[in-house]
């Protein structure tokens, strides 16, 4: 079995902002990026608990607060 190092991913902060899209109906949360100009949402990963949110932050080097959209 081959193990690969997890590479830090990046995003263009001038075009996209990290957000969590939350469902009003069932509470499901998805982390991703919203385009600042168009508002289009790009899903990255499902957030089930704080560990998933921490992993999302680590993958992209996010240190700021992440907003929520509904």
PDB file of N, CA and C in Angstrom:
ATOM      1  N   UNK A   1       0.850  -1.166   0.000  1.00  0.00           N
ATOM      2  CA  UNK A   1       0.000   0.000   0.000  1.00  0.00           C
ATOM      3  C   UNK A   1       0.902   1.237   0.000  1.00  0.00           C
ATOM      4  N   UNK A   2       0.564   2.166  -0.851  1.00  0.00           N
ATOM      5  CA  UNK A   2       1.355   3.390  -0.973  1.00  0.00           C
ATOM      6  C   UNK A   2       0.627   4.514  -0.258  1.00  0.00           C
ATOM      7  N   UNK A   3       1.355   5.195   0.608  1.00  0.00           N
ATOM      8  CA  UNK A   3       0.792   6.336   1.313  1.00  0.00           C
ATOM      9  C   UNK A   3       1.380   7.606   0.732  1.00  0.00           C
ATOM     10  N   UNK A   4       0.520   8.558   0.485  1.00  0.00           N
ATOM     11  CA  UNK A   4       0.979   9.848  -0.052  1.00  0.00           C
ATOM     12  C   UNK A   4       0.816  10.911   1.013  1.00  0.00           C
ATOM     13  N   UNK A   5       1.726  11.848   1.004  1.00  0.00           N
ATOM     14  CA  UNK A   5       1.589  12.997   1.896  1.00  0.00           C
ATOM     15  C   UNK A   5       0.426  13.841   1.412  1.00  0.00           C
ATOM     16  N   UNK A   6      -0.348  14.346   2.353  1.00  0.00           N
ATOM     17  CA  UNK A   6      -1.441  15.235   1.975  1.00  0.00           C
ATOM     18  C   UNK A   6      -0.849  16.589   1.632  1.00  0.00           C
ATOM     19  N   UNK A   7      -1.089  16.986   0.407  1.00  0.00           N
ATOM     20  CA  UNK A   7      -0.588  18.284  -0.032  1.00  0.00           C
ATOM     21  C   UNK A   7      -1.563  19.372   0.374  1.00  0.00           C
ATOM     22  N   UNK A   8      -1.017  20.501   0.732  1.00  0.00           N
ATOM     23  CA  UNK A   8      -1.858  21.652   1.067  1.00  0.00           C
ATOM     24  C   UNK A   8      -2.424  22.196  -0.237  1.00  0.00           C
ATOM     25  N   UNK A   9      -3.731  22.303  -0.284  1.00  0.00           N
ATOM     26  CA  UNK A   9      -4.406  22.823  -1.463  1.00  0.00           C
ATOM     27  C   UNK A   9      -4.532  24.331  -1.326  1.00  0.00           C
ATOM     28  N   UNK A  10      -4.833  24.988  -2.425  1.00  0.00           N
ATOM     29  CA  UNK A  10      -4.955  26.438  -2.361  1.00  0.00           C
ATOM     30  C   UNK A  10      -6.192  26.901  -3.118  1.00  0.00           C
ATOM     31  N   UNK A  11      -6.565  28.126  -2.869  1.00  0.00           N
ATOM     32  CA  UNK A  11      -7.671  28.767  -3.567  1.00  0.00           C
ATOM     33  C   UNK A  11      -7.324  30.233  -3.724  1.00  0.00           C
ATOM     34  N   UNK A  12      -7.952  30.893  -4.681  1.00  0.00           N
ATOM     35  CA  UNK A  12      -7.690  32.301  -4.942  1.00  0.00           C
ATOM     36  C   UNK A  12      -8.612  33.151  -4.065  1.00  0.00           C
ATOM     37  N   UNK A  13      -8.055  33.721  -3.018  1.00  0.00           N
ATOM     38  CA  UNK A  13      -8.833  34.506  -2.057  1.00  0.00           C
ATOM     39  C   UNK A  13      -9.375  35.797  -2.654  1.00  0.00           C
ATOM     40  N   UNK A  14      -8.863  36.223  -3.799  1.00  0.00           N
ATOM     41  CA  UNK A  14      -9.387  37.430  -4.429  1.00  0.00           C
ATOM     42  C   UNK A  14     -10.670  37.140  -5.203  1.00  0.00           C
ATOM     43  N   UNK A  15     -10.928  35.858  -5.485  1.00  0.00           N
ATOM     44  CA  UNK A  15     -12.097  35.479  -6.267  1.00  0.00           C
ATOM     45  C   UNK A  15     -13.096  34.657  -5.447  1.00  0.00           C
ATOM     46  N   UNK A  16     -12.595  33.873  -4.484  1.00  0.00           N
ATOM     47  CA  UNK A  16     -13.466  32.981  -3.718  1.00  0.00           C
ATOM     48  C   UNK A  16     -13.278  33.179  -2.226  1.00  0.00           C
ATOM     49  N   UNK A  17     -14.347  32.857  -1.472  1.00  0.00           N
ATOM     50  CA  UNK A  17     -14.258  32.918  -0.019  1.00  0.00           C
ATOM     51  C   UNK A  17     -14.773  31.596   0.554  1.00  0.00           C
ATOM     52  N   UNK A  18     -14.144  31.110   1.628  1.00  0.00           N
ATOM     53  CA  UNK A  18     -14.599  29.854   2.226  1.00  0.00           C
ATOM     54  C   UNK A  18     -15.913  30.051   2.976  1.00  0.00           C
ATOM     55  N   UNK A  19     -16.864  29.148   2.754  1.00  0.00           N
ATOM     56  CA  UNK A  19     -18.156  29.202   3.426  1.00  0.00           C
ATOM     57  C   UNK A  19     -18.648  27.796   3.730  1.00  0.00           C
ATOM     58  N   UNK A  20     -19.600  27.716   4.638  1.00  0.00           N
ATOM     59  CA  UNK A  20     -20.287  26.466   4.913  1.00  0.00           C
ATOM     60  C   UNK A  20     -21.727  26.656   4.462  1.00  0.00           C
ATOM     61  N   UNK A  21     -22.169  25.776   3.581  1.00  0.00           N
ATOM     62  CA  UNK A  21     -23.548  25.826   3.109  1.00  0.00           C
ATOM     63  C   UNK A  21     -24.342  24.863   3.985  1.00  0.00           C
ATOM     64  N   UNK A  22     -25.321  25.400   4.721  1.00  0.00           N
ATOM     65  CA  UNK A  22     -26.104  24.605   5.661  1.00  0.00           C
ATOM     66  C   UNK A  22     -27.545  24.498   5.185  1.00  0.00           C
ATOM     67  N   UNK A  23     -28.106  23.308   5.318  1.00  0.00           N
ATOM     68  CA  UNK A  23     -29.496  23.077   4.961  1.00  0.00           C
ATOM     69  C   UNK A  23     -30.393  23.465   6.130  1.00  0.00           C
ATOM     70  N   UNK A  24     -31.433  24.206   5.860  1.00  0.00           N
ATOM     71  CA  UNK A  24     -32.382  24.591   6.895  1.00  0.00           C
ATOM     72  C   UNK A  24     -33.218  23.370   7.307  1.00  0.00           C
ATOM     73  N   UNK A  25     -33.511  22.503   6.357  1.00  0.00           N
ATOM     74  CA  UNK A  25     -34.401  21.358   6.610  1.00  0.00           C
ATOM     75  C   UNK A  25     -33.773  20.277   7.490  1.00  0.00           C
ATOM     76  N   UNK A  26     -32.602  19.790   7.085  1.00  0.00           N
ATOM     77  CA  UNK A  26     -32.030  18.644   7.791  1.00  0.00           C
ATOM     78  C   UNK A  26     -30.714  18.922   8.517  1.00  0.00           C
ATOM     79  N   UNK A  27     -30.221  20.136   8.437  1.00  0.00           N
ATOM     80  CA  UNK A  27     -29.006  20.495   9.158  1.00  0.00           C
ATOM     81  C   UNK A  27     -27.712  20.047   8.504  1.00  0.00           C
ATOM     82  N   UNK A  28     -27.782  19.445   7.321  1.00  0.00           N
ATOM     83  CA  UNK A  28     -26.568  19.007   6.629  1.00  0.00           C
ATOM     84  C   UNK A  28     -25.693  20.210   6.305  1.00  0.00           C
ATOM     85  N   UNK A  29     -24.381  20.053   6.485  1.00  0.00           N
ATOM     86  CA  UNK A  29     -23.439  21.139   6.227  1.00  0.00           C
ATOM     87  C   UNK A  29     -22.374  20.674   5.240  1.00  0.00           C
ATOM     88  N   UNK A  30     -22.072  21.538   4.276  1.00  0.00           N
ATOM     89  CA  UNK A  30     -21.058  21.251   3.272  1.00  0.00           C
ATOM     90  C   UNK A  30     -20.098  22.430   3.229  1.00  0.00           C
ATOM     91  N   UNK A  31     -18.807  22.137   3.328  1.00  0.00           N
ATOM     92  CA  UNK A  31     -17.788  23.186   3.241  1.00  0.00           C
ATOM     93  C   UNK A  31     -17.383  23.352   1.782  1.00  0.00           C
ATOM     94  N   UNK A  32     -17.118  24.593   1.415  1.00  0.00           N
ATOM     95  CA  UNK A  32     -16.691  24.864   0.056  1.00  0.00           C
ATOM     96  C   UNK A  32     -16.340  26.328  -0.116  1.00  0.00           C
ATOM     97  N   UNK A  33     -16.397  26.776  -1.352  1.00  0.00           N
ATOM     98  CA  UNK A  33     -16.026  28.149  -1.668  1.00  0.00           C
ATOM     99  C   UNK A  33     -17.118  28.813  -2.486  1.00  0.00           C
ATOM    100  N   UNK A  34     -17.421  30.050  -2.149  1.00  0.00           N
ATOM    101  CA  UNK A  34     -18.390  30.847  -2.893  1.00  0.00           C
ATOM    102  C   UNK A  34     -17.634  31.886  -3.707  1.00  0.00           C
ATOM    103  N   UNK A  35     -18.007  32.012  -4.959  1.00  0.00           N
ATOM    104  CA  UNK A  35     -17.422  33.024  -5.826  1.00  0.00           C
ATOM    105  C   UNK A  35     -17.898  34.386  -5.341  1.00  0.00           C
ATOM    106  N   UNK A  36     -16.987  35.301  -5.130  1.00  0.00           N
ATOM    107  CA  UNK A  36     -17.327  36.621  -4.598  1.00  0.00           C
ATOM    108  C   UNK A  36     -18.192  37.412  -5.579  1.00  0.00           C
ATOM    109  N   UNK A  37     -17.955  37.252  -6.871  1.00  0.00           N
ATOM    110  CA  UNK A  37     -18.683  38.029  -7.876  1.00  0.00           C
ATOM    111  C   UNK A  37     -20.050  37.442  -8.217  1.00  0.00           C
ATOM    112  N   UNK A  38     -20.123  36.130  -8.388  1.00  0.00           N
ATOM    113  CA  UNK A  38     -21.367  35.513  -8.852  1.00  0.00           C
ATOM    114  C   UNK A  38     -22.159  34.829  -7.741  1.00  0.00           C
ATOM    115  N   UNK A  39     -21.494  34.481  -6.647  1.00  0.00           N
ATOM    116  CA  UNK A  39     -22.155  33.769  -5.565  1.00  0.00           C
ATOM    117  C   UNK A  39     -22.233  32.270  -5.789  1.00  0.00           C
ATOM    118  N   UNK A  40     -21.688  31.777  -6.896  1.00  0.00           N
ATOM    119  CA  UNK A  40     -21.713  30.347  -7.199  1.00  0.00           C
ATOM    120  C   UNK A  40     -20.938  29.588  -6.126  1.00  0.00           C
ATOM    121  N   UNK A  41     -21.498  28.458  -5.699  1.00  0.00           N
ATOM    122  CA  UNK A  41     -20.904  27.666  -4.619  1.00  0.00           C
ATOM    123  C   UNK A  41     -20.249  26.417  -5.180  1.00  0.00           C
ATOM    124  N   UNK A  42     -19.006  26.161  -4.761  1.00  0.00           N
ATOM    125  CA  UNK A  42     -18.260  24.966  -5.155  1.00  0.00           C
ATOM    126  C   UNK A  42     -18.109  24.077  -3.926  1.00  0.00           C
ATOM    127  N   UNK A  43     -18.751  22.904  -3.933  1.00  0.00           N
ATOM    128  CA  UNK A  43     -18.691  21.985  -2.799  1.00  0.00           C
ATOM    129  C   UNK A  43     -17.325  21.309  -2.739  1.00  0.00           C
ATOM    130  N   UNK A  44     -16.784  21.199  -1.522  1.00  0.00           N
ATOM    131  CA  UNK A  44     -15.515  20.518  -1.332  1.00  0.00           C
ATOM    132  C   UNK A  44     -15.698  19.263  -0.479  1.00  0.00           C
ATOM    133  N   UNK A  45     -16.318  19.404   0.693  1.00  0.00           N
ATOM    134  CA  UNK A  45     -16.496  18.234   1.549  1.00  0.00           C
ATOM    135  C   UNK A  45     -17.659  18.383   2.514  1.00  0.00           C
ATOM    136  N   UNK A  46     -18.217  17.238   2.892  1.00  0.00           N
ATOM    137  CA  UNK A  46     -19.300  17.180   3.862  1.00  0.00           C
ATOM    138  C   UNK A  46     -18.733  17.404   5.254  1.00  0.00           C
ATOM    139  N   UNK A  47     -19.410  18.211   6.056  1.00  0.00           N
ATOM    140  CA  UNK A  47     -18.975  18.487   7.428  1.00  0.00           C
ATOM    141  C   UNK A  47     -19.940  17.781   8.382  1.00  0.00           C
ATOM    142  N   UNK A  48     -19.439  16.735   9.062  1.00  0.00           N
ATOM    143  CA  UNK A  48     -20.270  15.994  10.009  1.00  0.00           C
ATOM    144  C   UNK A  48     -19.990  16.390  11.445  1.00  0.00           C
ATOM    145  N   UNK A  49     -18.753  16.857  11.700  1.00  0.00           N
ATOM    146  CA  UNK A  49     -18.380  17.247  13.061  1.00  0.00           C
ATOM    147  C   UNK A  49     -17.221  18.229  13.006  1.00  0.00           C
ATOM    148  N   UNK A  50     -16.735  18.627  14.182  1.00  0.00           N
ATOM    149  CA  UNK A  50     -15.640  19.607  14.258  1.00  0.00           C
ATOM    150  C   UNK A  50     -14.352  19.090  13.629  1.00  0.00           C
ATOM    151  N   UNK A  51     -14.130  17.792  13.677  1.00  0.00           N
ATOM    152  CA  UNK A  51     -12.919  17.217  13.083  1.00  0.00           C
ATOM    153  C   UNK A  51     -12.913  17.424  11.567  1.00  0.00           C
ATOM    154  N   UNK A  52     -14.073  17.272  10.929  1.00  0.00           N
ATOM    155  CA  UNK A  52     -14.160  17.510   9.486  1.00  0.00           C
ATOM    156  C   UNK A  52     -13.887  18.970   9.156  1.00  0.00           C
ATOM    157  N   UNK A  53     -14.411  19.875   9.965  1.00  0.00           N
ATOM    158  CA  UNK A  53     -14.170  21.298   9.741  1.00  0.00           C
ATOM    159  C   UNK A  53     -12.686  21.629   9.918  1.00  0.00           C
ATOM    160  N   UNK A  54     -12.053  21.043  10.922  1.00  0.00           N
ATOM    161  CA  UNK A  54     -10.616  21.248  11.132  1.00  0.00           C
ATOM    162  C   UNK A  54      -9.811  20.723   9.943  1.00  0.00           C
ATOM    163  N   UNK A  55     -10.215  19.590   9.388  1.00  0.00           N
ATOM    164  CA  UNK A  55      -9.529  19.019   8.225  1.00  0.00           C
ATOM    165  C   UNK A  55      -9.657  19.939   7.015  1.00  0.00           C
ATOM    166  N   UNK A  56     -10.838  20.501   6.809  1.00  0.00           N
ATOM    167  CA  UNK A  56     -11.052  21.453   5.714  1.00  0.00           C
ATOM    168  C   UNK A  56     -10.133  22.658   5.886  1.00  0.00           C
ATOM    169  N   UNK A  57     -10.071  23.186   7.100  1.00  0.00           N
ATOM    170  CA  UNK A  57      -9.188  24.327   7.381  1.00  0.00           C
ATOM    171  C   UNK A  57      -7.725  23.983   7.105  1.00  0.00           C
ATOM    172  N   UNK A  58      -7.286  22.808   7.533  1.00  0.00           N
ATOM    173  CA  UNK A  58      -5.893  22.387   7.330  1.00  0.00           C
ATOM    174  C   UNK A  58      -5.573  22.215   5.852  1.00  0.00           C
ATOM    175  N   UNK A  59      -6.491  21.603   5.105  1.00  0.00           N
ATOM    176  CA  UNK A  59      -6.250  21.343   3.677  1.00  0.00           C
ATOM    177  C   UNK A  59      -5.984  22.625   2.899  1.00  0.00           C
ATOM    178  N   UNK A  60      -6.702  23.689   3.257  1.00  0.00           N
ATOM    179  CA  UNK A  60      -6.585  24.928   2.497  1.00  0.00           C
ATOM    180  C   UNK A  60      -5.877  26.047   3.255  1.00  0.00           C
ATOM    181  N   UNK A  61      -5.393  25.787   4.467  1.00  0.00           N
ATOM    182  CA  UNK A  61      -4.674  26.797   5.243  1.00  0.00           C
ATOM    183  C   UNK A  61      -5.561  27.955   5.643  1.00  0.00           C
ATOM    184  N   UNK A  62      -6.810  27.689   5.992  1.00  0.00           N
ATOM    185  CA  UNK A  62      -7.755  28.736   6.358  1.00  0.00           C
ATOM    186  C   UNK A  62      -7.617  29.044   7.845  1.00  0.00           C
ATOM    187  N   UNK A  63      -7.341  30.297   8.168  1.00  0.00           N
ATOM    188  CA  UNK A  63      -7.179  30.698   9.563  1.00  0.00           C
ATOM    189  C   UNK A  63      -8.276  31.676  10.008  1.00  0.00           C
ATOM    190  N   UNK A  64      -9.028  32.198   9.047  1.00  0.00           N
ATOM    191  CA  UNK A  64     -10.083  33.162   9.364  1.00  0.00           C
ATOM    192  C   UNK A  64     -11.402  32.439   9.648  1.00  0.00           C
ATOM    193  N   UNK A  65     -12.373  33.177  10.131  1.00  0.00           N
ATOM    194  CA  UNK A  65     -13.702  32.616  10.375  1.00  0.00           C
ATOM    195  C   UNK A  65     -14.345  32.242   9.040  1.00  0.00           C
ATOM    196  N   UNK A  66     -15.130  31.171   9.071  1.00  0.00           N
ATOM    197  CA  UNK A  66     -15.832  30.722   7.874  1.00  0.00           C
ATOM    198  C   UNK A  66     -17.311  31.048   8.053  1.00  0.00           C
ATOM    199  N   UNK A  67     -17.845  31.798   7.114  1.00  0.00           N
ATOM    200  CA  UNK A  67     -19.252  32.188   7.179  1.00  0.00           C
ATOM    201  C   UNK A  67     -20.178  31.055   6.761  1.00  0.00           C
ATOM    202  N   UNK A  68     -21.464  31.220   7.056  1.00  0.00           N
ATOM    203  CA  UNK A  68     -22.477  30.235   6.658  1.00  0.00           C
ATOM    204  C   UNK A  68     -23.467  30.863   5.691  1.00  0.00           C
ATOM    205  N   UNK A  69     -23.890  30.043   4.733  1.00  0.00           N
ATOM    206  CA  UNK A  69     -24.966  30.446   3.845  1.00  0.00           C
ATOM    207  C   UNK A  69     -26.041  29.369   3.924  1.00  0.00           C
ATOM    208  N   UNK A  70     -27.289  29.767   3.696  1.00  0.00           N
ATOM    209  CA  UNK A  70     -28.414  28.837   3.804  1.00  0.00           C
ATOM    210  C   UNK A  70     -29.142  28.722   2.493  1.00  0.00           C
TER     211      UNK A  70
END
